[in-house]
């Protein structure tokens, strides 16, 4: 599971094009606006990423209770996250997340079918999963690690859907259905099992391809982006296949899983950073959706690993989503 950090960085001020009182600071590919008079080049700061929750302490009283850090536009420029002075003795690269009491925001799962027919986001009973390798799915942030991609190399972009992560696998003729972290006892009112029942192809495919795990998003009437869901319907879209301890290559997965519903495919071609960032800000490509997308996921046609992060697969959460969610 990947860490979420609040890292100490060295400040380098750049002019804000529309406000003399503001400056811009780049932290990797995150842009953060600050008051010019508060900082000098070379100052040490803690960078707090969007979708972090800061504690209710005097250090953050200036936020007036707005403890969830978001992206917002300041005089026409995106400001992503927050910079605060580094604690005494801190050094560049230190992670102050625990020291400052900062937590990563986990969006609530809104999965009610209505007052008389609620879906359970947590089954009364979690069960032991099948023997084997079924990791908790997480993808590093593109804005931190875009440098690991080579300009012009072939990439594939898919839409990052906003819902709840799911896993489906059949082992020894037994069907398993799980959330991101837990395997769930079969229950018709459980969110993940309900989604599974909505798509009979999942059962048929898993029984025909035993041991291959479908990693998918359950979405629709789940979180605040609804994708055209009506009458409480939940959807499923696959985004990865795992066979044993091997993630299948992009084309291989979609060939073997051709019968499955997949997340929207957006682009295949040379890697251009600006194109990836721009596509994260567009409207959702899911049929029936009438809102912005959460973001995009960058995959390579052939699996590759990096000593820095392991599997090289990156996500970009769009500023439109971060500002409005």
C-alpha atoms as a PDB file:
ATOM      1  CA  UNK A   1       0.000   0.000   0.000  1.00  0.00           C
ATOM      2  CA  UNK A   2       1.394   3.393  -0.977  1.00  0.00           C
ATOM      3  CA  UNK A   3       2.109   6.144   1.519  1.00  0.00           C
ATOM      4  CA  UNK A   4       0.410   9.503   1.562  1.00  0.00           C
ATOM      5  CA  UNK A   5       2.916  12.053   2.764  1.00  0.00           C
ATOM      6  CA  UNK A   6       3.282  15.625   3.973  1.00  0.00           C
ATOM      7  CA  UNK A   7       6.802  16.217   2.783  1.00  0.00           C
ATOM      8  CA  UNK A   8       9.246  18.979   3.652  1.00  0.00           C
ATOM      9  CA  UNK A   9      10.237  20.953   0.544  1.00  0.00           C
ATOM     10  CA  UNK A  10      12.338  24.015  -0.242  1.00  0.00           C
ATOM     11  CA  UNK A  11      10.352  26.988  -1.497  1.00  0.00           C
ATOM     12  CA  UNK A  12      11.094  28.668  -4.827  1.00  0.00           C
ATOM     13  CA  UNK A  13       8.740  31.541  -5.586  1.00  0.00           C
ATOM     14  CA  UNK A  14       7.496  32.189  -9.103  1.00  0.00           C
ATOM     15  CA  UNK A  15       5.398  35.220 -10.063  1.00  0.00           C
ATOM     16  CA  UNK A  16       1.637  34.841 -10.143  1.00  0.00           C
ATOM     17  CA  UNK A  17       0.522  36.241 -13.518  1.00  0.00           C
ATOM     18  CA  UNK A  18      -2.574  37.957 -12.109  1.00  0.00           C
ATOM     19  CA  UNK A  19      -1.707  39.007  -8.557  1.00  0.00           C
ATOM     20  CA  UNK A  20       1.395  40.741  -7.176  1.00  0.00           C
ATOM     21  CA  UNK A  21       0.419  39.713  -3.643  1.00  0.00           C
ATOM     22  CA  UNK A  22       0.519  36.020  -4.587  1.00  0.00           C
ATOM     23  CA  UNK A  23       3.323  33.778  -5.808  1.00  0.00           C
ATOM     24  CA  UNK A  24       3.338  30.244  -7.193  1.00  0.00           C
ATOM     25  CA  UNK A  25       5.421  27.383  -5.830  1.00  0.00           C
ATOM     26  CA  UNK A  26       5.879  24.143  -7.754  1.00  0.00           C
ATOM     27  CA  UNK A  27       6.151  20.911  -5.750  1.00  0.00           C
ATOM     28  CA  UNK A  28       6.803  18.198  -8.310  1.00  0.00           C
ATOM     29  CA  UNK A  29       3.859  18.822 -10.695  1.00  0.00           C
ATOM     30  CA  UNK A  30       1.634  20.342  -8.003  1.00  0.00           C
ATOM     31  CA  UNK A  31       1.196  24.115  -8.207  1.00  0.00           C
ATOM     32  CA  UNK A  32       0.500  25.926  -4.960  1.00  0.00           C
ATOM     33  CA  UNK A  33      -0.329  29.625  -4.529  1.00  0.00           C
ATOM     34  CA  UNK A  34       1.044  31.433  -1.471  1.00  0.00           C
ATOM     35  CA  UNK A  35       1.093  34.983  -0.130  1.00  0.00           C
ATOM     36  CA  UNK A  36       4.303  36.502  -1.431  1.00  0.00           C
ATOM     37  CA  UNK A  37       5.086  38.376   1.803  1.00  0.00           C
ATOM     38  CA  UNK A  38       4.936  35.152   3.855  1.00  0.00           C
ATOM     39  CA  UNK A  39       7.804  33.369   2.104  1.00  0.00           C
ATOM     40  CA  UNK A  40      11.350  33.776   0.850  1.00  0.00           C
ATOM     41  CA  UNK A  41      13.234  31.614  -1.623  1.00  0.00           C
ATOM     42  CA  UNK A  42      14.930  28.776   0.246  1.00  0.00           C
ATOM     43  CA  UNK A  43      12.429  28.621   3.116  1.00  0.00           C
ATOM     44  CA  UNK A  44      11.485  25.121   4.251  1.00  0.00           C
ATOM     45  CA  UNK A  45       7.799  24.247   4.062  1.00  0.00           C
ATOM     46  CA  UNK A  46       5.567  21.237   4.571  1.00  0.00           C
ATOM     47  CA  UNK A  47       3.535  20.546   1.450  1.00  0.00           C
ATOM     48  CA  UNK A  48       0.072  19.146   2.245  1.00  0.00           C
ATOM     49  CA  UNK A  49      -1.561  17.544  -0.786  1.00  0.00           C
ATOM     50  CA  UNK A  50      -5.211  17.943  -1.778  1.00  0.00           C
ATOM     51  CA  UNK A  51      -7.505  15.388  -0.155  1.00  0.00           C
ATOM     52  CA  UNK A  52      -5.636  15.575   3.136  1.00  0.00           C
ATOM     53  CA  UNK A  53      -7.407  16.157   6.451  1.00  0.00           C
ATOM     54  CA  UNK A  54      -5.590  18.404   8.909  1.00  0.00           C
ATOM     55  CA  UNK A  55      -6.271  18.224  12.661  1.00  0.00           C
ATOM     56  CA  UNK A  56      -8.348  20.686  14.626  1.00  0.00           C
ATOM     57  CA  UNK A  57      -5.347  22.302  16.311  1.00  0.00           C
ATOM     58  CA  UNK A  58      -4.060  25.873  16.689  1.00  0.00           C
ATOM     59  CA  UNK A  59      -1.547  25.249  13.875  1.00  0.00           C
ATOM     60  CA  UNK A  60      -4.444  25.096  11.411  1.00  0.00           C
ATOM     61  CA  UNK A  61      -6.854  27.569  13.043  1.00  0.00           C
ATOM     62  CA  UNK A  62      -6.364  29.932  10.086  1.00  0.00           C
ATOM     63  CA  UNK A  63      -8.411  27.500   7.957  1.00  0.00           C
ATOM     64  CA  UNK A  64     -11.532  28.360   9.996  1.00  0.00           C
ATOM     65  CA  UNK A  65     -12.581  24.742  10.347  1.00  0.00           C
ATOM     66  CA  UNK A  66     -12.078  23.836   6.669  1.00  0.00           C
ATOM     67  CA  UNK A  67      -9.913  20.869   7.553  1.00  0.00           C
ATOM     68  CA  UNK A  68     -10.078  19.044   4.227  1.00  0.00           C
ATOM     69  CA  UNK A  69      -7.456  20.451   1.867  1.00  0.00           C
ATOM     70  CA  UNK A  70      -8.707  20.950  -1.704  1.00  0.00           C
ATOM     71  CA  UNK A  71      -7.706  22.513  -4.998  1.00  0.00           C
ATOM     72  CA  UNK A  72      -9.071  25.943  -5.849  1.00  0.00           C
ATOM     73  CA  UNK A  73      -8.515  28.767  -8.269  1.00  0.00           C
ATOM     74  CA  UNK A  74      -6.850  31.899  -6.924  1.00  0.00           C
ATOM     75  CA  UNK A  75      -6.936  34.798  -9.358  1.00  0.00           C
ATOM     76  CA  UNK A  76      -7.205  32.445 -12.313  1.00  0.00           C
ATOM     77  CA  UNK A  77      -4.473  29.953 -11.315  1.00  0.00           C
ATOM     78  CA  UNK A  78      -4.993  26.559  -9.716  1.00  0.00           C
ATOM     79  CA  UNK A  79      -3.652  26.184  -6.205  1.00  0.00           C
ATOM     80  CA  UNK A  80      -3.324  22.525  -5.292  1.00  0.00           C
ATOM     81  CA  UNK A  81      -2.874  21.899  -1.613  1.00  0.00           C
ATOM     82  CA  UNK A  82      -1.299  23.938   1.159  1.00  0.00           C
ATOM     83  CA  UNK A  83       2.186  25.060   2.223  1.00  0.00           C
ATOM     84  CA  UNK A  84       2.918  25.716   5.896  1.00  0.00           C
ATOM     85  CA  UNK A  85       6.248  26.472   7.618  1.00  0.00           C
ATOM     86  CA  UNK A  86       8.256  23.360   8.393  1.00  0.00           C
ATOM     87  CA  UNK A  87       8.658  22.384  12.058  1.00  0.00           C
ATOM     88  CA  UNK A  88      11.957  23.311  13.743  1.00  0.00           C
ATOM     89  CA  UNK A  89      14.732  20.889  12.844  1.00  0.00           C
ATOM     90  CA  UNK A  90      12.934  19.482   9.802  1.00  0.00           C
ATOM     91  CA  UNK A  91      14.947  18.688   6.694  1.00  0.00           C
ATOM     92  CA  UNK A  92      14.023  18.430   3.006  1.00  0.00           C
ATOM     93  CA  UNK A  93      12.363  15.094   2.324  1.00  0.00           C
ATOM     94  CA  UNK A  94      11.097  14.511   5.868  1.00  0.00           C
ATOM     95  CA  UNK A  95       7.520  13.249   6.121  1.00  0.00           C
ATOM     96  CA  UNK A  96       5.596  15.276   8.712  1.00  0.00           C
ATOM     97  CA  UNK A  97       2.244  13.569   8.230  1.00  0.00           C
ATOM     98  CA  UNK A  98       2.248  11.740  11.574  1.00  0.00           C
ATOM     99  CA  UNK A  99       3.983  14.539  13.461  1.00  0.00           C
ATOM    100  CA  UNK A 100       1.358  17.081  12.380  1.00  0.00           C
ATOM    101  CA  UNK A 101      -1.585  14.686  12.737  1.00  0.00           C
ATOM    102  CA  UNK A 102      -2.531  14.821   9.054  1.00  0.00           C
ATOM    103  CA  UNK A 103      -4.642  12.037   7.537  1.00  0.00           C
ATOM    104  CA  UNK A 104      -5.565  11.094   3.985  1.00  0.00           C
ATOM    105  CA  UNK A 105      -9.203  11.787   3.097  1.00  0.00           C
ATOM    106  CA  UNK A 106     -11.269   8.719   2.279  1.00  0.00           C
ATOM    107  CA  UNK A 107     -14.509   9.708   0.519  1.00  0.00           C
ATOM    108  CA  UNK A 108     -17.642   8.282   2.119  1.00  0.00           C
ATOM    109  CA  UNK A 109     -19.459   5.576   0.207  1.00  0.00           C
ATOM    110  CA  UNK A 110     -23.033   6.707  -0.346  1.00  0.00           C
ATOM    111  CA  UNK A 111     -24.733   3.490  -1.249  1.00  0.00           C
ATOM    112  CA  UNK A 112     -28.323   3.739  -0.043  1.00  0.00           C
ATOM    113  CA  UNK A 113     -31.014   2.482  -2.403  1.00  0.00           C
ATOM    114  CA  UNK A 114     -33.553   4.517  -0.441  1.00  0.00           C
ATOM    115  CA  UNK A 115     -34.917   4.637   3.132  1.00  0.00           C
ATOM    116  CA  UNK A 116     -36.636   1.289   2.787  1.00  0.00           C
ATOM    117  CA  UNK A 117     -33.938  -0.573   0.885  1.00  0.00           C
ATOM    118  CA  UNK A 118     -30.449   0.433   2.026  1.00  0.00           C
ATOM    119  CA  UNK A 119     -27.296  -1.107   0.638  1.00  0.00           C
ATOM    120  CA  UNK A 120     -24.670  -2.015   3.173  1.00  0.00           C
ATOM    121  CA  UNK A 121     -21.235  -0.603   2.526  1.00  0.00           C
ATOM    122  CA  UNK A 122     -19.842  -2.957   5.191  1.00  0.00           C
ATOM    123  CA  UNK A 123     -21.262  -6.433   5.417  1.00  0.00           C
ATOM    124  CA  UNK A 124     -21.967  -7.720   8.895  1.00  0.00           C
ATOM    125  CA  UNK A 125     -19.497 -10.472   8.128  1.00  0.00           C
ATOM    126  CA  UNK A 126     -16.118 -10.209   6.450  1.00  0.00           C
ATOM    127  CA  UNK A 127     -14.585 -13.523   5.483  1.00  0.00           C
ATOM    128  CA  UNK A 128     -11.165 -14.979   4.832  1.00  0.00           C
ATOM    129  CA  UNK A 129     -10.198 -14.695   1.201  1.00  0.00           C
ATOM    130  CA  UNK A 130      -8.796 -17.408  -1.038  1.00  0.00           C
ATOM    131  CA  UNK A 131      -5.175 -18.467  -0.760  1.00  0.00           C
ATOM    132  CA  UNK A 132      -2.944 -16.425  -2.999  1.00  0.00           C
ATOM    133  CA  UNK A 133      -1.805 -12.895  -3.816  1.00  0.00           C
ATOM    134  CA  UNK A 134      -4.628 -10.327  -3.858  1.00  0.00           C
ATOM    135  CA  UNK A 135      -3.060  -6.951  -3.020  1.00  0.00           C
ATOM    136  CA  UNK A 136      -4.907  -3.863  -1.879  1.00  0.00           C
ATOM    137  CA  UNK A 137      -5.089  -1.743  -5.025  1.00  0.00           C
ATOM    138  CA  UNK A 138      -3.425   1.646  -5.030  1.00  0.00           C
ATOM    139  CA  UNK A 139      -1.828   3.756  -7.752  1.00  0.00           C
ATOM    140  CA  UNK A 140       0.796   6.491  -7.194  1.00  0.00           C
ATOM    141  CA  UNK A 141       0.127  10.102  -8.054  1.00  0.00           C
ATOM    142  CA  UNK A 142       1.247  11.184 -11.507  1.00  0.00           C
ATOM    143  CA  UNK A 143       2.074  14.666 -10.216  1.00  0.00           C
ATOM    144  CA  UNK A 144       4.748  13.129  -7.961  1.00  0.00           C
ATOM    145  CA  UNK A 145       6.204  10.627 -10.394  1.00  0.00           C
ATOM    146  CA  UNK A 146       5.663  11.883 -13.941  1.00  0.00           C
ATOM    147  CA  UNK A 147       9.448  11.987 -14.356  1.00  0.00           C
ATOM    148  CA  UNK A 148       9.459   8.169 -14.447  1.00  0.00           C
ATOM    149  CA  UNK A 149       7.820   8.293 -17.879  1.00  0.00           C
ATOM    150  CA  UNK A 150       9.875   9.006 -20.970  1.00  0.00           C
ATOM    151  CA  UNK A 151       8.770  11.791 -23.305  1.00  0.00           C
ATOM    152  CA  UNK A 152       7.177  10.276 -26.391  1.00  0.00           C
ATOM    153  CA  UNK A 153       6.923   6.696 -25.124  1.00  0.00           C
ATOM    154  CA  UNK A 154       3.614   4.971 -25.813  1.00  0.00           C
ATOM    155  CA  UNK A 155       1.029   5.229 -23.048  1.00  0.00           C
ATOM    156  CA  UNK A 156      -2.632   4.303 -22.608  1.00  0.00           C
ATOM    157  CA  UNK A 157      -5.066   6.574 -20.783  1.00  0.00           C
ATOM    158  CA  UNK A 158      -8.262   5.361 -19.133  1.00  0.00           C
ATOM    159  CA  UNK A 159     -10.827   7.269 -17.119  1.00  0.00           C
ATOM    160  CA  UNK A 160     -10.549   7.080 -13.346  1.00  0.00           C
ATOM    161  CA  UNK A 161     -14.094   6.444 -12.145  1.00  0.00           C
ATOM    162  CA  UNK A 162     -15.309   7.655  -8.769  1.00  0.00           C
ATOM    163  CA  UNK A 163     -16.809   4.860  -6.715  1.00  0.00           C
ATOM    164  CA  UNK A 164     -15.599   1.978  -4.577  1.00  0.00           C
ATOM    165  CA  UNK A 165     -12.811  -0.427  -5.497  1.00  0.00           C
ATOM    166  CA  UNK A 166     -13.810  -4.079  -5.887  1.00  0.00           C
ATOM    167  CA  UNK A 167     -12.265  -7.516  -6.491  1.00  0.00           C
ATOM    168  CA  UNK A 168     -13.882 -10.586  -8.039  1.00  0.00           C
ATOM    169  CA  UNK A 169     -12.265 -14.022  -8.386  1.00  0.00           C
ATOM    170  CA  UNK A 170     -13.301 -17.682  -8.566  1.00  0.00           C
ATOM    171  CA  UNK A 171     -11.003 -20.240  -6.916  1.00  0.00           C
ATOM    172  CA  UNK A 172     -11.814 -23.953  -6.817  1.00  0.00           C
ATOM    173  CA  UNK A 173     -15.323 -23.187  -8.077  1.00  0.00           C
ATOM    174  CA  UNK A 174     -15.989 -20.822  -5.158  1.00  0.00           C
ATOM    175  CA  UNK A 175     -16.818 -17.209  -6.002  1.00  0.00           C
ATOM    176  CA  UNK A 176     -15.226 -14.459  -3.917  1.00  0.00           C
ATOM    177  CA  UNK A 177     -16.329 -10.834  -3.917  1.00  0.00           C
ATOM    178  CA  UNK A 178     -14.464  -8.125  -2.080  1.00  0.00           C
ATOM    179  CA  UNK A 179     -13.964  -4.459  -1.421  1.00  0.00           C
ATOM    180  CA  UNK A 180     -10.571  -2.779  -1.652  1.00  0.00           C
ATOM    181  CA  UNK A 181      -9.362  -4.298   1.621  1.00  0.00           C
ATOM    182  CA  UNK A 182     -11.794  -7.053   2.639  1.00  0.00           C
ATOM    183  CA  UNK A 183     -13.555 -10.095   1.253  1.00  0.00           C
ATOM    184  CA  UNK A 184     -17.293 -10.012   1.866  1.00  0.00           C
ATOM    185  CA  UNK A 185     -19.687 -12.744   2.922  1.00  0.00           C
ATOM    186  CA  UNK A 186     -22.368 -13.208   0.281  1.00  0.00           C
ATOM    187  CA  UNK A 187     -25.220 -10.826   1.043  1.00  0.00           C
ATOM    188  CA  UNK A 188     -27.736  -9.518  -1.484  1.00  0.00           C
ATOM    189  CA  UNK A 189     -27.818  -6.147   0.279  1.00  0.00           C
ATOM    190  CA  UNK A 190     -24.053  -5.675   0.339  1.00  0.00           C
ATOM    191  CA  UNK A 191     -22.841  -3.039  -2.138  1.00  0.00           C
ATOM    192  CA  UNK A 192     -20.205  -5.242  -3.793  1.00  0.00           C
ATOM    193  CA  UNK A 193     -22.392  -8.332  -4.050  1.00  0.00           C
ATOM    194  CA  UNK A 194     -25.266  -6.216  -5.349  1.00  0.00           C
ATOM    195  CA  UNK A 195     -23.006  -4.888  -8.098  1.00  0.00           C
ATOM    196  CA  UNK A 196     -21.879  -8.447  -8.844  1.00  0.00           C
ATOM    197  CA  UNK A 197     -25.493  -9.624  -9.214  1.00  0.00           C
ATOM    198  CA  UNK A 198     -26.188  -6.745 -11.616  1.00  0.00           C
ATOM    199  CA  UNK A 199     -23.614  -8.160 -14.058  1.00  0.00           C
ATOM    200  CA  UNK A 200     -24.047 -11.922 -14.635  1.00  0.00           C
ATOM    201  CA  UNK A 201     -21.057 -11.781 -16.988  1.00  0.00           C
ATOM    202  CA  UNK A 202     -18.805 -11.406 -13.941  1.00  0.00           C
ATOM    203  CA  UNK A 203     -19.840 -14.779 -12.544  1.00  0.00           C
ATOM    204  CA  UNK A 204     -19.611 -16.514 -15.922  1.00  0.00           C
ATOM    205  CA  UNK A 205     -16.230 -14.983 -16.747  1.00  0.00           C
ATOM    206  CA  UNK A 206     -14.668 -15.696 -13.345  1.00  0.00           C
ATOM    207  CA  UNK A 207     -15.791 -19.336 -13.397  1.00  0.00           C
ATOM    208  CA  UNK A 208     -14.339 -19.738 -16.901  1.00  0.00           C
ATOM    209  CA  UNK A 209     -11.069 -17.993 -15.921  1.00  0.00           C
ATOM    210  CA  UNK A 210     -10.520 -19.348 -12.450  1.00  0.00           C
ATOM    211  CA  UNK A 211      -7.682 -17.740 -10.510  1.00  0.00           C
ATOM    212  CA  UNK A 212      -7.676 -14.494 -12.500  1.00  0.00           C
ATOM    213  CA  UNK A 213      -8.804 -11.599 -10.325  1.00  0.00           C
ATOM    214  CA  UNK A 214     -10.864  -8.763 -11.755  1.00  0.00           C
ATOM    215  CA  UNK A 215     -10.020  -5.427 -10.181  1.00  0.00           C
ATOM    216  CA  UNK A 216     -12.919  -3.089 -10.854  1.00  0.00           C
ATOM    217  CA  UNK A 217     -14.777   0.032  -9.776  1.00  0.00           C
ATOM    218  CA  UNK A 218     -18.304  -0.162  -8.372  1.00  0.00           C
ATOM    219  CA  UNK A 219     -19.895   3.217  -9.081  1.00  0.00           C
ATOM    220  CA  UNK A 220     -23.124   5.025  -9.900  1.00  0.00           C
ATOM    221  CA  UNK A 221     -25.265   5.405  -6.786  1.00  0.00           C
ATOM    222  CA  UNK A 222     -22.150   5.116  -4.646  1.00  0.00           C
ATOM    223  CA  UNK A 223     -20.480   8.514  -4.304  1.00  0.00           C
ATOM    224  CA  UNK A 224     -21.172  12.078  -5.390  1.00  0.00           C
ATOM    225  CA  UNK A 225     -20.521  11.484  -9.112  1.00  0.00           C
ATOM    226  CA  UNK A 226     -23.507   9.412 -10.302  1.00  0.00           C
ATOM    227  CA  UNK A 227     -22.701   8.643 -13.995  1.00  0.00           C
ATOM    228  CA  UNK A 228     -26.356   8.801 -14.960  1.00  0.00           C
ATOM    229  CA  UNK A 229     -27.418   6.242 -12.367  1.00  0.00           C
ATOM    230  CA  UNK A 230     -31.173   6.158 -11.758  1.00  0.00           C
ATOM    231  CA  UNK A 231     -33.283   4.308  -9.202  1.00  0.00           C
ATOM    232  CA  UNK A 232     -30.231   3.524  -7.106  1.00  0.00           C
ATOM    233  CA  UNK A 233     -28.459   1.442  -9.762  1.00  0.00           C
ATOM    234  CA  UNK A 234     -24.787   0.599  -9.287  1.00  0.00           C
ATOM    235  CA  UNK A 235     -22.420  -0.119 -12.174  1.00  0.00           C
ATOM    236  CA  UNK A 236     -19.211  -2.139 -12.515  1.00  0.00           C
ATOM    237  CA  UNK A 237     -16.215  -1.456 -14.752  1.00  0.00           C
ATOM    238  CA  UNK A 238     -12.974  -3.452 -14.750  1.00  0.00           C
ATOM    239  CA  UNK A 239      -9.631  -1.654 -14.791  1.00  0.00           C
ATOM    240  CA  UNK A 240      -7.061  -4.444 -14.239  1.00  0.00           C
ATOM    241  CA  UNK A 241      -6.593  -8.211 -14.261  1.00  0.00           C
ATOM    242  CA  UNK A 242      -4.236 -10.116 -11.975  1.00  0.00           C
ATOM    243  CA  UNK A 243      -3.149 -13.695 -12.677  1.00  0.00           C
ATOM    244  CA  UNK A 244      -1.198 -15.166  -9.782  1.00  0.00           C
ATOM    245  CA  UNK A 245       1.292 -12.431  -8.959  1.00  0.00           C
ATOM    246  CA  UNK A 246       1.384 -11.016 -12.509  1.00  0.00           C
ATOM    247  CA  UNK A 247      -0.580  -8.023 -13.723  1.00  0.00           C
ATOM    248  CA  UNK A 248      -1.633  -8.667 -17.290  1.00  0.00           C
ATOM    249  CA  UNK A 249      -0.395  -6.275 -19.963  1.00  0.00           C
ATOM    250  CA  UNK A 250      -2.878  -3.682 -21.175  1.00  0.00           C
ATOM    251  CA  UNK A 251      -3.860  -5.386 -24.447  1.00  0.00           C
ATOM    252  CA  UNK A 252      -3.683  -8.894 -22.989  1.00  0.00           C
ATOM    253  CA  UNK A 253      -6.099  -7.962 -20.218  1.00  0.00           C
ATOM    254  CA  UNK A 254      -8.616  -6.430 -22.594  1.00  0.00           C
ATOM    255  CA  UNK A 255      -8.323  -9.367 -24.967  1.00  0.00           C
ATOM    256  CA  UNK A 256      -8.841 -12.026 -22.293  1.00  0.00           C
ATOM    257  CA  UNK A 257     -11.482  -9.851 -20.638  1.00  0.00           C
ATOM    258  CA  UNK A 258     -13.217  -8.732 -23.826  1.00  0.00           C
ATOM    259  CA  UNK A 259     -16.614  -9.824 -22.454  1.00  0.00           C
ATOM    260  CA  UNK A 260     -16.242  -7.649 -19.358  1.00  0.00           C
ATOM    261  CA  UNK A 261     -17.393  -4.048 -18.896  1.00  0.00           C
ATOM    262  CA  UNK A 262     -14.301  -1.803 -18.771  1.00  0.00           C
ATOM    263  CA  UNK A 263     -13.578   1.729 -17.650  1.00  0.00           C
ATOM    264  CA  UNK A 264     -13.676   4.201 -20.572  1.00  0.00           C
ATOM    265  CA  UNK A 265     -10.569   4.092 -22.757  1.00  0.00           C
ATOM    266  CA  UNK A 266      -9.459   7.608 -23.715  1.00  0.00           C
ATOM    267  CA  UNK A 267      -6.139   7.725 -25.539  1.00  0.00           C
ATOM    268  CA  UNK A 268      -3.237   5.681 -26.844  1.00  0.00           C
ATOM    269  CA  UNK A 269      -0.151   7.381 -28.193  1.00  0.00           C
ATOM    270  CA  UNK A 270       3.020   9.225 -27.252  1.00  0.00           C
ATOM    271  CA  UNK A 271       3.396  10.479 -23.709  1.00  0.00           C
ATOM    272  CA  UNK A 272       2.998  14.242 -23.428  1.00  0.00           C
ATOM    273  CA  UNK A 273       2.674  15.503 -19.864  1.00  0.00           C
ATOM    274  CA  UNK A 274       0.462  18.445 -20.739  1.00  0.00           C
ATOM    275  CA  UNK A 275      -1.970  16.174 -22.599  1.00  0.00           C
ATOM    276  CA  UNK A 276      -2.315  13.850 -19.606  1.00  0.00           C
ATOM    277  CA  UNK A 277      -3.008  16.749 -17.232  1.00  0.00           C
ATOM    278  CA  UNK A 278      -5.497  18.343 -19.635  1.00  0.00           C
ATOM    279  CA  UNK A 279      -7.458  15.120 -20.133  1.00  0.00           C
ATOM    280  CA  UNK A 280      -7.895  14.759 -16.365  1.00  0.00           C
ATOM    281  CA  UNK A 281      -9.963  17.972 -16.448  1.00  0.00           C
ATOM    282  CA  UNK A 282     -12.458  16.908 -19.135  1.00  0.00           C
ATOM    283  CA  UNK A 283     -16.016  15.641 -18.708  1.00  0.00           C
ATOM    284  CA  UNK A 284     -16.623  11.965 -18.028  1.00  0.00           C
ATOM    285  CA  UNK A 285     -16.711   9.713 -21.073  1.00  0.00           C
ATOM    286  CA  UNK A 286     -18.946   7.153 -19.363  1.00  0.00           C
ATOM    287  CA  UNK A 287     -22.242   6.852 -21.298  1.00  0.00           C
ATOM    288  CA  UNK A 288     -24.981   8.758 -19.503  1.00  0.00           C
ATOM    289  CA  UNK A 289     -22.682  10.809 -17.275  1.00  0.00           C
ATOM    290  CA  UNK A 290     -23.265  14.565 -17.294  1.00  0.00           C
ATOM    291  CA  UNK A 291     -20.426  15.774 -15.072  1.00  0.00           C
ATOM    292  CA  UNK A 292     -16.668  16.150 -14.926  1.00  0.00           C
ATOM    293  CA  UNK A 293     -14.485  13.075 -14.562  1.00  0.00           C
ATOM    294  CA  UNK A 294     -12.539  12.277 -11.434  1.00  0.00           C
ATOM    295  CA  UNK A 295      -9.341  11.945 -13.399  1.00  0.00           C
ATOM    296  CA  UNK A 296      -7.318   9.606 -15.589  1.00  0.00           C
ATOM    297  CA  UNK A 297      -5.012   6.611 -15.142  1.00  0.00           C
ATOM    298  CA  UNK A 298      -1.794   6.255 -17.118  1.00  0.00           C
ATOM    299  CA  UNK A 299      -0.857   2.692 -18.104  1.00  0.00           C
ATOM    300  CA  UNK A 300       1.941   1.315 -20.248  1.00  0.00           C
ATOM    301  CA  UNK A 301       1.094  -1.162 -23.028  1.00  0.00           C
ATOM    302  CA  UNK A 302       3.696  -3.541 -21.556  1.00  0.00           C
ATOM    303  CA  UNK A 303       4.071  -3.784 -17.797  1.00  0.00           C
ATOM    304  CA  UNK A 304       7.175  -2.115 -16.372  1.00  0.00           C
ATOM    305  CA  UNK A 305       8.457  -1.547 -12.856  1.00  0.00           C
ATOM    306  CA  UNK A 306      10.455   1.242 -11.267  1.00  0.00           C
ATOM    307  CA  UNK A 307      12.767   0.871  -8.255  1.00  0.00           C
ATOM    308  CA  UNK A 308      11.091   4.000  -6.875  1.00  0.00           C
ATOM    309  CA  UNK A 309       7.447   2.873  -6.817  1.00  0.00           C
ATOM    310  CA  UNK A 310       7.292  -0.661  -8.182  1.00  0.00           C
ATOM    311  CA  UNK A 311       4.661  -1.134 -10.845  1.00  0.00           C
ATOM    312  CA  UNK A 312       4.634   1.878 -13.176  1.00  0.00           C
ATOM    313  CA  UNK A 313       0.992   2.907 -13.319  1.00  0.00           C
ATOM    314  CA  UNK A 314       0.000   6.452 -12.351  1.00  0.00           C
ATOM    315  CA  UNK A 315      -3.176   8.399 -11.641  1.00  0.00           C
ATOM    316  CA  UNK A 316      -4.125  12.038 -12.071  1.00  0.00           C
ATOM    317  CA  UNK A 317      -7.049  13.369 -10.058  1.00  0.00           C
ATOM    318  CA  UNK A 318      -8.454  16.412 -11.833  1.00  0.00           C
ATOM    319  CA  UNK A 319      -8.569  19.850 -10.232  1.00  0.00           C
ATOM    320  CA  UNK A 320     -12.233  20.186 -11.190  1.00  0.00           C
ATOM    321  CA  UNK A 321     -13.010  17.118  -9.110  1.00  0.00           C
ATOM    322  CA  UNK A 322     -10.782  18.185  -6.203  1.00  0.00           C
ATOM    323  CA  UNK A 323     -12.400  21.612  -6.113  1.00  0.00           C
ATOM    324  CA  UNK A 324     -16.010  20.408  -6.242  1.00  0.00           C
ATOM    325  CA  UNK A 325     -16.009  17.097  -4.364  1.00  0.00           C
END
